[in-house]
Amino acid sequence: MPRENAIELRNLRKTYAATARSPAKEALKGVDLDIPRGSIFGLLGPNGAGKSTMINILAGLVTKTSGQVTIWGFDQDKNPRQSRASIGVMPQELNIDPFFTPRAALDVQAGLYGMPKSQRDVEGVLRLIGLEDKAEAYARTLSGGMRRRLLLGKALIHNPHVLVLDEPTAGVDIELRQMLWANVRRLNEERGMTIILTTHYLEEAEEMCDEIAIINQGVVIARDRTENLLAQMDQKSLVILPEGPSDAVTAPQGVTLERRSDGALVFSYSRAKTSPAAILDSLRVAGVGIRDVKTQEPDLQDVFVSLTQSA
C-alpha cells in the first residue's frame, strides 16, 4: 500500500565533484522533506538553490551522494523501476525528437516504461494536451507552446502517481498557461495526482499550491501550508486616497508613510503593534477626508524575499 506521503526525502545530499574549471560543490546539504499525497506542492528557491538537482534525483537522472529517496512508497535504491514509474517529469528544456510525431513520441515514451499497447491511452493524452489535430505532424513543425504541451503528455503517458512540473510556464503565452493550470487542477481533483511545481512566477505558486517549501543554498529554509507562510509576514499596508490637500497628515508612531504621485497615502504598519484605527485617527486630526481606502496584504514574493535574504 502506498504511504501517506507521495515523496519522502531523508538527509538527501549531492556533491558535484571538482573539475578543472570549478571546485567541488555541495548542491544539497542533508534535505529532509515530505510531500503529501494528493497535494499541489510548490518547490521554490533562487537560481542555484538546488531545486533542479533535487528534481533530477527524483527523476533518476542524477545520482545522489547519500540519503534516502522514497517515491510512492518505493525506495529508490531498493526498487528503482517502481519508484521511477511512479513519477513523471515535465522538464524545462524542450528535449523532443524533431522527427517524431506527437503520437509516435507518446507511444515510444509509454514503451520505455514497459506499458503494453493495450494499456496505452495515447489518444486520451493527446486530447488532454490539445494536440489531436497535430498528432501526425513532425515535432519540428510544432510551435514552442505545442512542444511544451507534448512534454506534458510525455510526462503523463505512463499514468504516474506524481507529476513534476519544472518551470512549466517560463516563456509561454497566457492561453497556454491557462490551459496548463486547468489540466493540472483536473489531474489533481479527478485523479488525485500529486503535483510538484517549481516556478519563478510566485503569484502562480500562491494561487495553485496547497503547501510550499523554499530551498536556498541546498537547505530547506521554510516548509508549510501556503496560508501559514503568508501569515508569517506581520507587515500590512493601508492605502488611502484623501479628499483635498494632505500635507498636514503625519504617520502615527511605528508607522511609515509613503506619498504616491497620484496623491494616495500608503501607511505601512505592523499588525501586532498598530491598528488601522490609529491611522484613520491621524487623518481625522489633520482634518483630511477620505475618498477611498483599501488594504494591501503581503504576498508570497514578500515571504520569499524575506526568507532567502535572511538565510
Protein backbone atom coordinates (compact mmCIF):
# COMPACT_ATOMS: atom_id res chain seq x y z
CA MET A 1 0.00 0.00 0.00
CA PRO A 2 1.29 3.48 -0.77
CA ARG A 3 2.36 5.62 2.12
CA GLU A 4 0.66 8.78 3.28
CA ASN A 5 3.39 10.81 1.59
CA ALA A 6 3.98 10.77 -2.14
CA ILE A 7 7.64 11.76 -1.70
CA GLU A 8 9.90 11.29 1.30
CA LEU A 9 13.46 12.62 1.36
CA ARG A 10 15.78 11.83 4.25
CA ASN A 11 19.18 13.50 4.67
CA LEU A 12 19.48 13.88 0.89
CA ARG A 13 22.91 15.10 -0.17
CA LYS A 14 24.51 15.76 -3.52
CA THR A 15 28.06 16.94 -4.06
CA TYR A 16 29.34 17.58 -7.57
CA ALA A 17 33.00 16.64 -7.95
CA ALA A 18 35.61 19.26 -8.70
CA THR A 19 36.67 19.78 -12.29
CA ALA A 20 39.48 21.64 -13.96
CA ARG A 21 37.25 24.71 -14.18
CA SER A 22 35.32 24.62 -10.92
CA PRO A 23 35.72 23.39 -7.35
CA ALA A 24 33.55 20.73 -5.76
CA LYS A 25 30.04 21.98 -4.99
CA GLU A 26 27.59 20.69 -2.38
CA ALA A 27 24.24 21.27 -4.09
CA LEU A 28 22.06 19.57 -1.45
CA LYS A 29 23.06 19.61 2.20
CA GLY A 30 21.02 17.00 4.03
CA VAL A 31 17.50 17.76 2.83
CA ASP A 32 14.56 16.27 4.77
CA LEU A 33 11.22 16.78 3.06
CA ASP A 34 7.79 15.11 2.96
CA ILE A 35 5.33 15.86 0.15
CA PRO A 36 1.78 14.67 0.95
CA ARG A 37 -0.18 12.54 -1.49
CA GLY A 38 -2.83 14.42 -3.45
CA SER A 39 -1.32 17.86 -2.85
CA ILE A 40 -0.18 20.58 -5.22
CA PHE A 41 3.23 21.29 -3.73
CA GLY A 42 5.43 24.27 -4.58
CA LEU A 43 9.22 23.94 -4.55
CA LEU A 44 10.65 27.45 -4.67
CA GLY A 45 14.10 28.96 -4.46
CA PRO A 46 16.53 31.32 -6.20
CA ASN A 47 18.72 30.19 -9.08
CA GLY A 48 21.34 27.71 -7.93
CA ALA A 49 19.42 26.83 -4.76
CA GLY A 50 19.33 23.08 -5.53
CA LYS A 51 15.81 22.69 -6.97
CA SER A 52 16.90 21.22 -10.31
CA THR A 53 19.33 18.85 -8.62
CA MET A 54 16.53 17.58 -6.38
CA ILE A 55 14.16 17.10 -9.31
CA ASN A 56 16.80 15.31 -11.38
CA ILE A 57 17.47 12.95 -8.47
CA LEU A 58 13.75 12.20 -8.21
CA ALA A 59 13.64 11.57 -11.97
CA GLY A 60 16.62 9.21 -11.81
CA LEU A 61 18.76 11.48 -13.98
CA VAL A 62 21.26 12.41 -11.27
CA THR A 63 22.79 10.02 -8.73
CA LYS A 64 22.59 11.26 -5.14
CA THR A 65 25.70 11.29 -2.97
CA SER A 66 23.85 9.95 0.06
CA GLY A 67 20.46 9.87 1.75
CA GLN A 68 17.16 8.15 1.08
CA VAL A 69 14.56 8.89 -1.60
CA THR A 70 11.13 7.23 -1.43
CA ILE A 71 8.57 7.77 -4.19
CA TRP A 72 5.04 6.46 -3.64
CA GLY A 73 6.33 4.02 -1.04
CA PHE A 74 9.19 2.68 -3.19
CA ASP A 75 12.75 3.19 -2.03
CA GLN A 76 14.74 4.49 -4.99
CA ASP A 77 17.71 2.24 -4.16
CA LYS A 78 15.76 -0.95 -3.46
CA ASN A 79 13.01 -0.56 -6.08
CA PRO A 80 14.40 1.75 -8.77
CA ARG A 81 11.99 0.69 -11.53
CA GLN A 82 8.86 1.04 -9.41
CA SER A 83 9.93 4.39 -7.98
CA ARG A 84 10.79 5.71 -11.44
CA ALA A 85 7.46 4.52 -12.86
CA SER A 86 5.62 6.37 -10.08
CA ILE A 87 6.79 9.78 -11.22
CA GLY A 88 6.54 11.83 -14.41
CA VAL A 89 8.66 14.91 -15.04
CA MET A 90 7.95 17.79 -17.41
CA PRO A 91 11.39 19.41 -17.80
CA GLN A 92 12.26 23.00 -18.61
CA GLU A 93 14.19 22.08 -21.74
CA LEU A 94 12.37 21.29 -24.99
CA ASN A 95 14.10 17.93 -25.44
CA ILE A 96 11.90 16.42 -28.16
CA ASP A 97 12.99 14.35 -31.16
CA PRO A 98 12.21 16.63 -34.13
CA PHE A 99 11.41 13.70 -36.44
CA PHE A 100 8.79 12.11 -34.18
CA THR A 101 5.12 12.97 -34.38
CA PRO A 102 3.29 13.61 -31.09
CA ARG A 103 1.51 10.27 -31.39
CA ALA A 104 4.76 8.41 -32.04
CA ALA A 105 6.59 10.27 -29.26
CA LEU A 106 3.91 9.33 -26.72
CA ASP A 107 3.83 5.73 -27.94
CA VAL A 108 7.62 5.38 -27.63
CA GLN A 109 7.61 7.02 -24.20
CA ALA A 110 4.98 4.55 -22.96
CA GLY A 111 7.06 1.70 -24.37
CA LEU A 112 10.10 2.88 -22.40
CA TYR A 113 8.08 2.27 -19.24
CA GLY A 114 7.12 -1.21 -20.40
CA MET A 115 3.44 -0.40 -20.88
CA PRO A 116 1.61 -2.91 -23.11
CA LYS A 117 -0.09 -1.34 -26.12
CA SER A 118 -3.48 -2.31 -24.74
CA GLN A 119 -2.88 -0.08 -21.69
CA ARG A 120 -1.60 2.99 -23.55
CA ASP A 121 -4.08 5.83 -23.76
CA VAL A 122 -2.26 7.85 -26.41
CA GLU A 123 -5.46 9.33 -27.82
CA GLY A 124 -6.68 10.38 -24.38
CA VAL A 125 -3.41 12.16 -23.61
CA LEU A 126 -3.45 13.90 -27.00
CA ARG A 127 -6.92 15.21 -26.19
CA LEU A 128 -5.84 16.33 -22.74
CA ILE A 129 -2.93 18.39 -24.07
CA GLY A 130 -4.89 19.69 -27.07
CA LEU A 131 -2.77 18.13 -29.82
CA GLU A 132 -5.30 15.84 -31.52
CA ASP A 133 -5.13 17.85 -34.74
CA LYS A 134 -1.32 17.78 -34.68
CA ALA A 135 -0.98 14.09 -33.85
CA GLU A 136 0.74 13.25 -37.16
CA ALA A 137 2.80 16.44 -37.55
CA TYR A 138 6.56 16.23 -37.07
CA ALA A 139 7.62 17.74 -33.76
CA ARG A 140 9.98 20.11 -35.57
CA THR A 141 6.95 21.83 -37.13
CA LEU A 142 5.22 22.48 -33.80
CA SER A 143 5.29 25.86 -32.12
CA GLY A 144 7.10 26.32 -28.82
CA GLY A 145 3.83 26.18 -26.91
CA MET A 146 2.79 22.96 -28.64
CA ARG A 147 6.15 21.38 -27.82
CA ARG A 148 5.60 22.23 -24.17
CA ARG A 149 2.21 20.53 -24.36
CA LEU A 150 3.92 17.47 -25.80
CA LEU A 151 6.38 17.47 -22.90
CA LEU A 152 3.41 17.39 -20.53
CA GLY A 153 1.94 14.49 -22.49
CA LYS A 154 5.21 12.54 -22.28
CA ALA A 155 5.27 13.05 -18.52
CA LEU A 156 1.70 11.72 -18.21
CA ILE A 157 1.61 8.84 -20.70
CA HIS A 158 2.65 6.14 -18.19
CA ASN A 159 -0.02 7.20 -15.65
CA PRO A 160 2.32 8.31 -12.85
CA HIS A 161 1.13 9.00 -9.31
CA VAL A 162 3.36 12.09 -9.07
CA LEU A 163 3.80 14.80 -11.72
CA VAL A 164 6.72 17.23 -11.52
CA LEU A 165 6.42 20.49 -13.45
CA ASP A 166 9.79 22.23 -13.69
CA GLU A 167 9.21 25.89 -14.66
CA PRO A 168 6.30 24.85 -16.93
CA THR A 169 5.14 28.35 -17.88
CA ALA A 170 8.51 30.00 -18.50
CA GLY A 171 8.21 31.99 -21.72
CA VAL A 172 4.74 30.75 -22.68
CA ASP A 173 1.70 32.80 -23.63
CA ILE A 174 -1.35 33.39 -21.45
CA GLU A 175 -3.54 30.89 -23.33
CA LEU A 176 -1.10 28.02 -22.82
CA ARG A 177 -0.58 28.98 -19.19
CA GLN A 178 -4.33 28.88 -18.52
CA MET A 179 -4.66 25.54 -20.35
CA LEU A 180 -1.81 24.07 -18.33
CA TRP A 181 -3.22 25.12 -14.97
CA ALA A 182 -6.70 23.91 -15.90
CA ASN A 183 -5.22 20.50 -16.73
CA VAL A 184 -3.18 20.46 -13.53
CA ARG A 185 -6.25 21.14 -11.41
CA ARG A 186 -8.21 18.46 -13.28
CA LEU A 187 -5.46 15.87 -12.77
CA ASN A 188 -5.26 16.73 -9.09
CA GLU A 189 -9.01 16.78 -8.44
CA GLU A 190 -10.17 13.91 -10.66
CA ARG A 191 -7.23 11.51 -10.41
CA GLY A 192 -5.80 12.56 -7.07
CA MET A 193 -2.44 13.09 -8.74
CA THR A 194 0.26 14.72 -6.64
CA ILE A 195 1.72 17.77 -8.40
CA ILE A 196 5.14 19.25 -7.62
CA LEU A 197 5.68 22.69 -9.11
CA THR A 198 8.81 24.79 -9.44
CA THR A 199 8.31 28.30 -10.76
CA HIS A 200 9.74 31.80 -10.64
CA TYR A 201 6.21 33.20 -11.02
CA LEU A 202 5.43 33.39 -7.32
CA GLU A 203 1.86 34.56 -7.90
CA GLU A 204 1.24 31.21 -9.63
CA ALA A 205 2.60 29.29 -6.67
CA GLU A 206 0.49 31.36 -4.29
CA GLU A 207 -2.66 30.65 -6.29
CA MET A 208 -2.03 26.98 -7.12
CA CYS A 209 -0.14 25.39 -4.25
CA ASP A 210 -1.55 23.88 -1.06
CA GLU A 211 1.89 23.70 0.53
CA ILE A 212 5.26 25.24 -0.27
CA ALA A 213 8.89 24.52 0.54
CA ILE A 214 11.56 27.16 0.00
CA ILE A 215 15.08 25.92 -0.63
CA ASN A 216 18.17 28.09 -0.55
CA GLN A 217 21.84 27.10 -0.86
CA GLY A 218 20.95 23.41 -0.69
CA VAL A 219 18.90 23.67 2.50
CA VAL A 220 15.12 23.79 3.07
CA ILE A 221 14.65 27.07 4.94
CA ALA A 222 10.84 27.00 5.13
CA ARG A 223 8.07 24.46 4.59
CA ASP A 224 4.42 25.00 5.46
CA ARG A 225 0.95 25.47 4.09
CA THR A 226 0.78 28.50 1.80
CA GLU A 227 -1.57 30.46 4.07
CA ASN A 228 0.71 29.85 7.07
CA LEU A 229 3.74 31.17 5.20
CA LEU A 230 1.82 34.29 4.25
CA ALA A 231 0.72 34.74 7.86
CA GLN A 232 4.38 34.96 8.91
CA MET A 233 4.54 38.42 7.38
CA ASP A 234 3.31 40.83 10.03
CA GLN A 235 3.53 43.88 7.76
CA LYS A 236 0.38 45.33 6.23
CA SER A 237 -0.43 48.50 4.29
CA LEU A 238 -3.40 50.86 4.35
CA VAL A 239 -3.79 52.81 1.09
CA ILE A 240 -5.89 55.96 1.42
CA LEU A 241 -6.96 58.39 -1.29
CA PRO A 242 -7.65 61.66 0.57
CA GLU A 243 -10.16 64.35 -0.15
CA GLY A 244 -8.24 67.57 -0.77
CA PRO A 245 -4.72 68.50 0.41
CA SER A 246 -3.00 66.07 2.77
CA ASP A 247 0.24 67.89 3.64
CA ALA A 248 -0.75 68.08 7.31
CA VAL A 249 -1.08 64.30 7.66
CA THR A 250 1.62 62.60 9.72
CA ALA A 251 2.14 58.91 10.44
CA PRO A 252 1.47 57.58 13.94
CA GLN A 253 4.43 56.22 15.89
CA GLY A 254 5.76 52.98 14.42
CA VAL A 255 4.05 53.57 11.06
CA THR A 256 5.79 54.58 7.83
CA LEU A 257 4.06 56.91 5.37
CA GLU A 258 4.65 56.95 1.62
CA ARG A 259 3.11 59.66 -0.55
CA ARG A 260 2.45 58.43 -4.07
CA SER A 261 2.46 60.57 -7.19
CA ASP A 262 -1.30 60.04 -7.64
CA GLY A 263 -1.92 61.61 -4.23
CA ALA A 264 -2.53 58.33 -2.40
CA LEU A 265 -1.15 57.89 1.12
CA VAL A 266 0.34 54.47 1.92
CA PHE A 267 0.66 53.67 5.63
CA SER A 268 2.76 50.54 6.35
CA TYR A 269 2.45 49.09 9.83
CA SER A 270 2.82 46.00 12.00
CA ARG A 271 -0.49 44.30 12.66
CA ALA A 272 0.75 43.23 16.09
CA LYS A 273 1.63 46.79 17.16
CA THR A 274 -0.73 49.16 15.34
CA SER A 275 -4.42 49.14 14.44
CA PRO A 276 -5.94 50.79 11.35
CA ALA A 277 -7.99 52.94 13.72
CA ALA A 278 -4.85 54.80 14.82
CA ILE A 279 -4.06 55.64 11.20
CA LEU A 280 -7.59 56.82 10.49
CA ASP A 281 -7.46 58.97 13.63
CA SER A 282 -4.34 60.71 12.30
CA LEU A 283 -6.30 61.77 9.20
CA ARG A 284 -9.22 62.96 11.31
CA VAL A 285 -6.89 65.05 13.49
CA ALA A 286 -5.37 66.59 10.34
CA GLY A 287 -8.87 67.42 9.10
CA VAL A 288 -8.48 65.31 5.95
CA GLY A 289 -11.43 63.45 4.47
CA ILE A 290 -11.21 60.05 2.81
CA ARG A 291 -12.33 59.47 -0.76
CA ASP A 292 -11.27 55.79 -0.92
CA VAL A 293 -9.45 53.27 1.27
CA LYS A 294 -8.09 49.76 0.76
CA THR A 295 -5.68 47.37 2.44
CA GLN A 296 -2.72 45.51 0.97
CA GLU A 297 -1.70 42.14 2.37
CA PRO A 298 1.81 40.68 1.94
CA ASP A 299 2.14 38.18 -0.89
CA LEU A 300 4.36 35.16 -1.45
CA GLN A 301 7.03 37.32 -3.05
CA ASP A 302 7.39 39.24 0.21
CA VAL A 303 7.74 35.98 2.14
CA PHE A 304 10.23 34.58 -0.38
CA VAL A 305 12.45 37.67 -0.35
CA SER A 306 12.37 37.91 3.44
CA LEU A 307 13.33 34.27 3.98
CA THR A 308 16.01 33.97 1.30
CA GLN A 309 17.67 37.27 2.25
CA SER A 310 17.74 36.40 5.94
CA ALA A 311 19.17 32.97 5.07
